[in-house]
């Protein structure tokens, strides 16, 4: 699904990409959980997968908008890898 896209799905139809959005959101949450457990390499791996394969995933904020979990994922992955050294 992500590979066929060239931009984020517009807000009014973004829910139609539920599978992509759910996986992207799950990878973001997984990375945060690994980070909290100080499993930095695993956190970086999850974030890199998010960046490389699910870059157009969107998370719904209950306040009324979508945001892209991959937006800062590459930088976060780099930081986790630095911490793991």
Protein backbone atom coordinates (compact mmCIF):
# COMPACT_ATOMS: atom_id res chain seq x y z
CA UNK A 1 0.00 0.00 0.00
CA UNK A 2 2.76 2.44 0.99
CA UNK A 3 4.79 1.63 -2.14
CA UNK A 4 1.91 2.68 -4.38
CA UNK A 5 1.67 6.10 -2.73
CA UNK A 6 3.58 9.30 -3.52
CA UNK A 7 2.07 11.50 -0.81
CA UNK A 8 0.03 11.29 2.36
CA UNK A 9 -3.61 10.38 1.92
CA UNK A 10 -5.82 13.46 2.37
CA UNK A 11 -7.48 13.73 5.79
CA UNK A 12 -10.97 13.08 4.48
CA UNK A 13 -9.93 9.68 3.04
CA UNK A 14 -7.00 8.76 5.31
CA UNK A 15 -9.11 6.29 7.30
CA UNK A 16 -9.38 4.19 4.12
CA UNK A 17 -5.68 3.39 4.54
CA UNK A 18 -6.39 1.81 7.91
CA UNK A 19 -4.01 -1.15 7.43
CA UNK A 20 -1.06 1.09 6.57
CA UNK A 21 -1.94 3.48 9.37
CA UNK A 22 -2.32 0.71 11.95
CA UNK A 23 1.03 -0.88 11.11
CA UNK A 24 2.82 2.48 11.09
CA UNK A 25 1.28 3.46 14.40
CA UNK A 26 2.16 0.06 15.88
CA UNK A 27 5.79 0.37 14.81
CA UNK A 28 5.98 3.82 16.39
CA UNK A 29 4.49 2.52 19.65
CA UNK A 30 6.80 -0.51 19.55
CA UNK A 31 9.83 1.76 19.17
CA UNK A 32 8.71 3.89 22.10
CA UNK A 33 8.25 0.77 24.25
CA UNK A 34 11.67 -0.59 23.30
CA UNK A 35 13.17 2.80 24.09
CA UNK A 36 11.56 2.82 27.51
CA UNK A 37 13.08 -0.60 28.16
CA UNK A 38 16.48 0.68 26.96
CA UNK A 39 16.41 -1.82 24.09
CA UNK A 40 17.88 0.82 21.82
CA UNK A 41 18.83 -1.37 18.85
CA UNK A 42 15.33 -2.83 18.69
CA UNK A 43 13.83 0.67 18.91
CA UNK A 44 16.08 1.81 16.06
CA UNK A 45 15.13 -1.24 13.97
CA UNK A 46 11.40 -0.53 14.40
CA UNK A 47 11.88 3.13 13.50
CA UNK A 48 13.94 2.30 10.43
CA UNK A 49 11.27 -0.14 9.25
CA UNK A 50 8.69 2.61 9.76
CA UNK A 51 10.81 5.09 7.81
CA UNK A 52 11.64 2.74 4.95
CA UNK A 53 8.42 0.78 4.44
CA UNK A 54 5.58 2.74 6.07
CA UNK A 55 6.53 6.36 5.47
CA UNK A 56 2.99 7.40 4.47
CA UNK A 57 1.31 5.92 7.56
CA UNK A 58 -0.71 8.39 9.59
CA UNK A 59 -1.82 8.40 13.22
CA UNK A 60 -5.14 9.91 14.22
CA UNK A 61 -4.97 12.35 17.09
CA UNK A 62 -8.24 12.45 19.08
CA UNK A 63 -8.00 16.25 18.99
CA UNK A 64 -8.98 16.02 15.32
CA UNK A 65 -6.02 15.61 12.97
CA UNK A 66 -3.61 13.10 11.49
CA UNK A 67 0.15 13.14 12.00
CA UNK A 68 2.92 11.11 10.40
CA UNK A 69 4.79 8.81 12.78
CA UNK A 70 7.62 8.44 10.25
CA UNK A 71 8.25 12.20 10.12
CA UNK A 72 11.02 12.11 12.75
CA UNK A 73 11.61 8.37 12.82
CA UNK A 74 14.94 8.44 10.97
CA UNK A 75 16.41 10.99 13.37
CA UNK A 76 15.04 9.06 16.35
CA UNK A 77 16.55 5.81 14.99
CA UNK A 78 19.92 7.50 14.63
CA UNK A 79 19.75 8.68 18.24
CA UNK A 80 18.83 5.19 19.49
CA UNK A 81 21.76 3.69 17.56
CA UNK A 82 24.09 6.33 19.05
CA UNK A 83 22.86 5.47 22.57
CA UNK A 84 23.37 1.76 21.94
CA UNK A 85 27.11 2.15 21.29
